[in-house]
Amino acid sequence: MTDTSRGLPERPMSPHLQVWRWHITMACSILHRGCIVGLWVGAVILAAWAAALAAGPDVYAGLLGVLGSPIGKLVLLGETFAVFFNIAYTIRQTFWDTGKGFAPRIADMTGAMAIAFAVVATIVTWVIAGANGAF
């Protein structure tokens, strides 16, 4: 609450936090912003991979060692999720650009579908990669 030294009624600093109820569309928006940051990290990893490839076998083996570590695999798992969620969210936003899908029920459903698609596609991708000896 705000400090009221002038006798004004106390008001919250951010009234929108009491008006809005948490819903899947808000979660998707926040998740999408996080995924965009993750995709920038992925671009740096891709550039490092290309530089290591050009630098020679020792540097390349070192990078593969980092990416093959448990933390490296966790980062790559997050990158995979970020790619698939970005694809699904972009398709969702394309429909929004045409003026469709703004009804609360439809927006919630498409948000849940985007998250579900990203989770399932990430799992399938990693299962296929693991079955083919990628790690």
N, C-alpha and C. Protein backbone atom coordinates (compact mmCIF):
# COMPACT_ATOMS: atom_id res chain seq x y z
N MET A 1 0.84 -1.17 0.00
CA MET A 1 0.00 0.00 0.00
C MET A 1 0.89 1.24 0.00
N THR A 2 0.36 2.30 -0.50
CA THR A 2 1.13 3.54 -0.56
C THR A 2 1.13 4.22 0.80
N ASP A 3 2.20 4.97 1.07
CA ASP A 3 2.28 5.74 2.31
C ASP A 3 1.46 7.00 2.12
N THR A 4 0.56 7.25 3.03
CA THR A 4 -0.33 8.40 2.87
C THR A 4 -0.05 9.40 3.98
N SER A 5 0.85 10.31 3.74
CA SER A 5 1.16 11.33 4.73
C SER A 5 0.26 12.55 4.58
N ARG A 6 -0.49 12.64 3.48
CA ARG A 6 -1.34 13.80 3.23
C ARG A 6 -2.81 13.50 3.51
N GLY A 7 -3.09 12.40 4.14
CA GLY A 7 -4.46 12.09 4.48
C GLY A 7 -5.26 11.47 3.35
N LEU A 8 -4.61 11.11 2.25
CA LEU A 8 -5.30 10.45 1.15
C LEU A 8 -5.61 9.01 1.53
N PRO A 9 -6.65 8.44 0.96
CA PRO A 9 -6.94 7.04 1.26
C PRO A 9 -5.81 6.14 0.75
N GLU A 10 -5.57 5.06 1.48
CA GLU A 10 -4.54 4.12 1.06
C GLU A 10 -4.99 3.39 -0.19
N ARG A 11 -4.10 3.31 -1.14
CA ARG A 11 -4.39 2.61 -2.39
C ARG A 11 -3.23 1.68 -2.71
N PRO A 12 -3.51 0.60 -3.38
CA PRO A 12 -2.42 -0.30 -3.75
C PRO A 12 -1.53 0.35 -4.81
N MET A 13 -0.27 -0.05 -4.83
CA MET A 13 0.66 0.48 -5.83
C MET A 13 0.30 0.02 -7.23
N SER A 14 -0.15 -1.21 -7.36
CA SER A 14 -0.48 -1.78 -8.67
C SER A 14 -1.90 -2.35 -8.62
N PRO A 15 -2.90 -1.54 -8.86
CA PRO A 15 -4.28 -2.04 -8.73
C PRO A 15 -4.61 -3.15 -9.72
N HIS A 16 -3.90 -3.21 -10.84
CA HIS A 16 -4.21 -4.24 -11.82
C HIS A 16 -3.95 -5.63 -11.25
N LEU A 17 -3.08 -5.75 -10.26
CA LEU A 17 -2.80 -7.06 -9.68
C LEU A 17 -3.98 -7.60 -8.89
N GLN A 18 -4.85 -6.71 -8.41
CA GLN A 18 -6.04 -7.18 -7.70
C GLN A 18 -7.23 -7.35 -8.63
N VAL A 19 -7.17 -6.75 -9.79
CA VAL A 19 -8.28 -6.84 -10.73
C VAL A 19 -8.18 -8.10 -11.57
N TRP A 20 -7.00 -8.41 -12.06
CA TRP A 20 -6.82 -9.53 -12.97
C TRP A 20 -6.63 -10.83 -12.21
N ARG A 21 -7.27 -11.85 -12.72
CA ARG A 21 -7.08 -13.20 -12.18
C ARG A 21 -6.10 -13.93 -13.09
N TRP A 22 -5.27 -14.76 -12.48
CA TRP A 22 -4.28 -15.52 -13.24
C TRP A 22 -4.99 -16.45 -14.20
N HIS A 23 -4.54 -16.51 -15.45
CA HIS A 23 -5.10 -17.45 -16.42
C HIS A 23 -4.02 -17.88 -17.40
N ILE A 24 -4.33 -18.87 -18.20
CA ILE A 24 -3.35 -19.50 -19.07
C ILE A 24 -2.77 -18.53 -20.10
N THR A 25 -3.55 -17.58 -20.55
CA THR A 25 -3.05 -16.62 -21.54
C THR A 25 -1.93 -15.76 -20.95
N MET A 26 -2.07 -15.39 -19.68
CA MET A 26 -0.99 -14.65 -19.02
C MET A 26 0.26 -15.52 -18.91
N ALA A 27 0.06 -16.77 -18.54
CA ALA A 27 1.20 -17.69 -18.41
C ALA A 27 1.89 -17.88 -19.76
N CYS A 28 1.11 -17.99 -20.82
CA CYS A 28 1.69 -18.16 -22.16
C CYS A 28 2.49 -16.93 -22.56
N SER A 29 1.99 -15.76 -22.24
CA SER A 29 2.70 -14.53 -22.59
C SER A 29 4.05 -14.47 -21.87
N ILE A 30 4.04 -14.76 -20.59
CA ILE A 30 5.29 -14.74 -19.81
C ILE A 30 6.23 -15.83 -20.30
N LEU A 31 5.69 -17.02 -20.55
CA LEU A 31 6.50 -18.14 -21.03
C LEU A 31 7.11 -17.82 -22.39
N HIS A 32 6.34 -17.17 -23.25
CA HIS A 32 6.85 -16.82 -24.57
C HIS A 32 8.02 -15.84 -24.47
N ARG A 33 7.92 -14.88 -23.59
CA ARG A 33 9.02 -13.93 -23.40
C ARG A 33 10.27 -14.65 -22.89
N GLY A 34 10.08 -15.58 -21.97
CA GLY A 34 11.21 -16.37 -21.48
C GLY A 34 11.81 -17.23 -22.58
N CYS A 35 10.95 -17.79 -23.42
CA CYS A 35 11.44 -18.63 -24.53
C CYS A 35 12.22 -17.80 -25.54
N ILE A 36 11.83 -16.57 -25.75
CA ILE A 36 12.57 -15.70 -26.67
C ILE A 36 13.99 -15.48 -26.13
N VAL A 37 14.11 -15.25 -24.82
CA VAL A 37 15.44 -15.11 -24.22
C VAL A 37 16.22 -16.41 -24.40
N GLY A 38 15.54 -17.54 -24.19
CA GLY A 38 16.18 -18.83 -24.39
C GLY A 38 16.64 -19.05 -25.82
N LEU A 39 15.86 -18.58 -26.77
CA LEU A 39 16.25 -18.72 -28.17
C LEU A 39 17.48 -17.87 -28.49
N TRP A 40 17.63 -16.72 -27.83
CA TRP A 40 18.84 -15.93 -28.00
C TRP A 40 20.04 -16.69 -27.45
N VAL A 41 19.85 -17.36 -26.32
CA VAL A 41 20.92 -18.21 -25.77
C VAL A 41 21.26 -19.31 -26.77
N GLY A 42 20.23 -19.89 -27.38
CA GLY A 42 20.44 -20.92 -28.39
C GLY A 42 21.21 -20.41 -29.60
N ALA A 43 20.96 -19.17 -29.97
CA ALA A 43 21.71 -18.59 -31.10
C ALA A 43 23.19 -18.45 -30.75
N VAL A 44 23.47 -18.09 -29.50
CA VAL A 44 24.87 -18.00 -29.06
C VAL A 44 25.50 -19.40 -29.05
N ILE A 45 24.76 -20.40 -28.59
CA ILE A 45 25.27 -21.78 -28.60
C ILE A 45 25.54 -22.23 -30.03
N LEU A 46 24.64 -21.92 -30.94
CA LEU A 46 24.83 -22.29 -32.34
C LEU A 46 26.06 -21.61 -32.93
N ALA A 47 26.26 -20.34 -32.60
CA ALA A 47 27.45 -19.62 -33.08
C ALA A 47 28.72 -20.23 -32.48
N ALA A 48 28.66 -20.60 -31.20
CA ALA A 48 29.82 -21.24 -30.56
C ALA A 48 30.10 -22.58 -31.20
N TRP A 49 29.05 -23.31 -31.55
CA TRP A 49 29.22 -24.60 -32.21
C TRP A 49 29.91 -24.41 -33.57
N ALA A 50 29.47 -23.43 -34.34
CA ALA A 50 30.08 -23.17 -35.65
C ALA A 50 31.54 -22.72 -35.49
N ALA A 51 31.80 -21.88 -34.50
CA ALA A 51 33.18 -21.42 -34.27
C ALA A 51 34.06 -22.58 -33.82
N ALA A 52 33.53 -23.45 -32.96
CA ALA A 52 34.30 -24.61 -32.51
C ALA A 52 34.57 -25.57 -33.65
N LEU A 53 33.60 -25.71 -34.53
CA LEU A 53 33.77 -26.58 -35.70
C LEU A 53 34.90 -26.05 -36.59
N ALA A 54 34.95 -24.73 -36.74
CA ALA A 54 35.99 -24.12 -37.57
C ALA A 54 37.35 -24.12 -36.88
N ALA A 55 37.35 -24.12 -35.54
CA ALA A 55 38.60 -24.01 -34.79
C ALA A 55 39.39 -25.32 -34.74
N GLY A 56 38.73 -26.42 -34.98
CA GLY A 56 39.46 -27.68 -34.99
C GLY A 56 38.87 -28.73 -34.07
N PRO A 57 39.37 -29.95 -34.18
CA PRO A 57 38.78 -31.07 -33.44
C PRO A 57 38.88 -30.95 -31.92
N ASP A 58 39.96 -30.36 -31.41
CA ASP A 58 40.11 -30.25 -29.96
C ASP A 58 39.07 -29.29 -29.36
N VAL A 59 38.91 -28.15 -29.99
CA VAL A 59 37.93 -27.17 -29.51
C VAL A 59 36.52 -27.73 -29.66
N TYR A 60 36.26 -28.39 -30.78
CA TYR A 60 34.94 -28.98 -31.02
C TYR A 60 34.63 -30.05 -29.98
N ALA A 61 35.61 -30.89 -29.66
CA ALA A 61 35.41 -31.92 -28.64
C ALA A 61 35.14 -31.29 -27.28
N GLY A 62 35.80 -30.19 -26.99
CA GLY A 62 35.54 -29.48 -25.73
C GLY A 62 34.13 -28.96 -25.64
N LEU A 63 33.65 -28.37 -26.73
CA LEU A 63 32.27 -27.86 -26.74
C LEU A 63 31.28 -29.01 -26.61
N LEU A 64 31.53 -30.11 -27.31
CA LEU A 64 30.63 -31.26 -27.18
C LEU A 64 30.64 -31.81 -25.76
N GLY A 65 31.79 -31.73 -25.09
CA GLY A 65 31.86 -32.14 -23.69
C GLY A 65 30.98 -31.28 -22.80
N VAL A 66 31.00 -29.97 -23.05
CA VAL A 66 30.16 -29.05 -22.27
C VAL A 66 28.68 -29.32 -22.57
N LEU A 67 28.33 -29.43 -23.84
CA LEU A 67 26.93 -29.65 -24.21
C LEU A 67 26.45 -31.04 -23.81
N GLY A 68 27.37 -31.99 -23.68
CA GLY A 68 27.00 -33.35 -23.28
C GLY A 68 26.93 -33.55 -21.78
N SER A 69 27.33 -32.54 -21.01
CA SER A 69 27.24 -32.63 -19.55
C SER A 69 25.78 -32.55 -19.12
N PRO A 70 25.47 -32.94 -17.89
CA PRO A 70 24.06 -32.85 -17.44
C PRO A 70 23.48 -31.44 -17.56
N ILE A 71 24.26 -30.43 -17.22
CA ILE A 71 23.76 -29.06 -17.33
C ILE A 71 23.59 -28.68 -18.80
N GLY A 72 24.54 -29.09 -19.64
CA GLY A 72 24.43 -28.82 -21.07
C GLY A 72 23.20 -29.47 -21.68
N LYS A 73 22.93 -30.71 -21.26
CA LYS A 73 21.73 -31.39 -21.77
C LYS A 73 20.46 -30.70 -21.28
N LEU A 74 20.48 -30.21 -20.05
CA LEU A 74 19.31 -29.49 -19.53
C LEU A 74 19.08 -28.21 -20.33
N VAL A 75 20.16 -27.51 -20.66
CA VAL A 75 20.04 -26.29 -21.48
C VAL A 75 19.49 -26.65 -22.86
N LEU A 76 20.00 -27.72 -23.46
CA LEU A 76 19.52 -28.13 -24.78
C LEU A 76 18.06 -28.59 -24.73
N LEU A 77 17.67 -29.22 -23.63
CA LEU A 77 16.26 -29.60 -23.44
C LEU A 77 15.39 -28.34 -23.40
N GLY A 78 15.84 -27.34 -22.66
CA GLY A 78 15.11 -26.07 -22.61
C GLY A 78 15.06 -25.39 -23.96
N GLU A 79 16.15 -25.47 -24.71
CA GLU A 79 16.18 -24.90 -26.06
C GLU A 79 15.16 -25.59 -26.96
N THR A 80 15.09 -26.91 -26.84
CA THR A 80 14.13 -27.67 -27.65
C THR A 80 12.71 -27.23 -27.33
N PHE A 81 12.41 -27.12 -26.03
CA PHE A 81 11.08 -26.66 -25.62
C PHE A 81 10.81 -25.26 -26.16
N ALA A 82 11.81 -24.37 -26.06
CA ALA A 82 11.63 -22.99 -26.51
C ALA A 82 11.32 -22.92 -28.00
N VAL A 83 12.00 -23.75 -28.79
CA VAL A 83 11.74 -23.77 -30.24
C VAL A 83 10.31 -24.20 -30.51
N PHE A 84 9.89 -25.30 -29.90
CA PHE A 84 8.55 -25.81 -30.18
C PHE A 84 7.46 -24.88 -29.63
N PHE A 85 7.69 -24.29 -28.46
CA PHE A 85 6.68 -23.37 -27.92
C PHE A 85 6.60 -22.12 -28.79
N ASN A 86 7.74 -21.64 -29.28
CA ASN A 86 7.72 -20.47 -30.15
C ASN A 86 6.96 -20.75 -31.43
N ILE A 87 7.12 -21.95 -31.98
CA ILE A 87 6.37 -22.32 -33.19
C ILE A 87 4.88 -22.28 -32.91
N ALA A 88 4.46 -22.95 -31.83
CA ALA A 88 3.03 -23.02 -31.50
C ALA A 88 2.47 -21.64 -31.17
N TYR A 89 3.21 -20.86 -30.42
CA TYR A 89 2.73 -19.54 -30.03
C TYR A 89 2.64 -18.61 -31.24
N THR A 90 3.57 -18.73 -32.17
CA THR A 90 3.54 -17.91 -33.38
C THR A 90 2.33 -18.26 -34.24
N ILE A 91 2.01 -19.54 -34.34
CA ILE A 91 0.80 -19.94 -35.07
C ILE A 91 -0.43 -19.35 -34.39
N ARG A 92 -0.46 -19.40 -33.07
CA ARG A 92 -1.57 -18.82 -32.30
C ARG A 92 -1.68 -17.32 -32.58
N GLN A 93 -0.57 -16.62 -32.57
CA GLN A 93 -0.59 -15.18 -32.82
C GLN A 93 -0.97 -14.86 -34.26
N THR A 94 -0.67 -15.75 -35.19
CA THR A 94 -1.07 -15.53 -36.57
C THR A 94 -2.59 -15.53 -36.68
N PHE A 95 -3.24 -16.43 -35.97
CA PHE A 95 -4.71 -16.41 -35.95
C PHE A 95 -5.22 -15.14 -35.28
N TRP A 96 -4.55 -14.70 -34.23
CA TRP A 96 -4.95 -13.45 -33.59
C TRP A 96 -4.83 -12.28 -34.55
N ASP A 97 -3.83 -12.29 -35.42
CA ASP A 97 -3.66 -11.22 -36.40
C ASP A 97 -4.83 -11.13 -37.36
N THR A 98 -5.54 -12.23 -37.55
CA THR A 98 -6.72 -12.21 -38.41
C THR A 98 -7.99 -11.87 -37.64
N GLY A 99 -7.85 -11.64 -36.33
CA GLY A 99 -9.00 -11.27 -35.51
C GLY A 99 -9.74 -12.47 -34.94
N LYS A 100 -9.17 -13.65 -35.02
CA LYS A 100 -9.83 -14.86 -34.52
C LYS A 100 -9.13 -15.35 -33.25
N GLY A 101 -9.90 -16.01 -32.40
CA GLY A 101 -9.34 -16.66 -31.22
C GLY A 101 -9.23 -15.78 -29.99
N PHE A 102 -9.93 -14.66 -29.95
CA PHE A 102 -9.85 -13.78 -28.80
C PHE A 102 -10.87 -14.09 -27.71
N ALA A 103 -11.86 -14.91 -28.00
CA ALA A 103 -12.83 -15.28 -26.98
C ALA A 103 -12.08 -15.96 -25.83
N PRO A 104 -12.42 -15.65 -24.59
CA PRO A 104 -11.65 -16.19 -23.46
C PRO A 104 -11.51 -17.72 -23.48
N ARG A 105 -12.57 -18.42 -23.82
CA ARG A 105 -12.51 -19.88 -23.85
C ARG A 105 -11.54 -20.36 -24.93
N ILE A 106 -11.61 -19.75 -26.11
CA ILE A 106 -10.72 -20.13 -27.22
C ILE A 106 -9.27 -19.75 -26.89
N ALA A 107 -9.06 -18.57 -26.32
CA ALA A 107 -7.70 -18.13 -25.97
C ALA A 107 -7.09 -19.07 -24.93
N ASP A 108 -7.87 -19.46 -23.93
CA ASP A 108 -7.37 -20.41 -22.93
C ASP A 108 -7.06 -21.76 -23.56
N MET A 109 -7.93 -22.22 -24.44
CA MET A 109 -7.73 -23.52 -25.08
C MET A 109 -6.48 -23.51 -25.96
N THR A 110 -6.31 -22.47 -26.76
CA THR A 110 -5.14 -22.43 -27.65
C THR A 110 -3.84 -22.25 -26.85
N GLY A 111 -3.92 -21.56 -25.73
CA GLY A 111 -2.74 -21.45 -24.87
C GLY A 111 -2.34 -22.80 -24.30
N ALA A 112 -3.33 -23.53 -23.81
CA ALA A 112 -3.05 -24.87 -23.28
C ALA A 112 -2.54 -25.79 -24.39
N MET A 113 -3.09 -25.64 -25.59
CA MET A 113 -2.63 -26.47 -26.71
C MET A 113 -1.18 -26.13 -27.08
N ALA A 114 -0.81 -24.87 -27.03
CA ALA A 114 0.56 -24.47 -27.35
C ALA A 114 1.55 -25.08 -26.35
N ILE A 115 1.20 -25.02 -25.07
CA ILE A 115 2.07 -25.60 -24.05
C ILE A 115 2.14 -27.11 -24.21
N ALA A 116 0.98 -27.74 -24.42
CA ALA A 116 0.95 -29.20 -24.58
C ALA A 116 1.75 -29.64 -25.80
N PHE A 117 1.60 -28.92 -26.90
CA PHE A 117 2.37 -29.25 -28.10
C PHE A 117 3.87 -29.17 -27.82
N ALA A 118 4.29 -28.10 -27.16
CA ALA A 118 5.72 -27.92 -26.89
C ALA A 118 6.25 -29.04 -26.00
N VAL A 119 5.49 -29.42 -24.99
CA VAL A 119 5.93 -30.49 -24.08
C VAL A 119 6.02 -31.82 -24.83
N VAL A 120 4.95 -32.17 -25.56
CA VAL A 120 4.93 -33.45 -26.27
C VAL A 120 6.00 -33.49 -27.36
N ALA A 121 6.13 -32.43 -28.13
CA ALA A 121 7.13 -32.40 -29.21
C ALA A 121 8.55 -32.48 -28.65
N THR A 122 8.79 -31.84 -27.51
CA THR A 122 10.10 -31.91 -26.88
C THR A 122 10.41 -33.33 -26.43
N ILE A 123 9.44 -33.97 -25.79
CA ILE A 123 9.63 -35.35 -25.33
C ILE A 123 9.88 -36.28 -26.51
N VAL A 124 9.06 -36.16 -27.55
CA VAL A 124 9.22 -37.01 -28.73
C VAL A 124 10.59 -36.79 -29.38
N THR A 125 11.00 -35.55 -29.50
CA THR A 125 12.30 -35.24 -30.10
C THR A 125 13.44 -35.87 -29.31
N TRP A 126 13.39 -35.75 -28.00
CA TRP A 126 14.47 -36.29 -27.18
C TRP A 126 14.44 -37.82 -27.13
N VAL A 127 13.26 -38.40 -27.17
CA VAL A 127 13.17 -39.87 -27.22
C VAL A 127 13.76 -40.38 -28.54
N ILE A 128 13.41 -39.74 -29.64
CA ILE A 128 13.95 -40.14 -30.95
C ILE A 128 15.47 -39.93 -30.98
N ALA A 129 15.93 -38.81 -30.46
CA ALA A 129 17.38 -38.54 -30.44
C ALA A 129 18.10 -39.58 -29.58
N GLY A 130 17.52 -39.91 -28.44
CA GLY A 130 18.13 -40.92 -27.58
C GLY A 130 18.13 -42.30 -28.20
N ALA A 131 17.06 -42.63 -28.91
CA ALA A 131 16.98 -43.94 -29.56
C ALA A 131 17.99 -44.06 -30.70
N ASN A 132 18.38 -42.94 -31.27
CA ASN A 132 19.35 -42.95 -32.37
C ASN A 132 20.78 -42.69 -31.89
N GLY A 133 20.99 -42.73 -30.59
CA GLY A 133 22.34 -42.61 -30.04
C GLY A 133 22.89 -41.20 -29.99
N ALA A 134 22.03 -40.20 -29.93
CA ALA A 134 22.52 -38.83 -29.90
C ALA A 134 23.21 -38.49 -28.58
N PHE A 135 22.88 -39.24 -27.53
CA PHE A 135 23.56 -39.01 -26.24
C PHE A 135 23.63 -40.28 -25.44
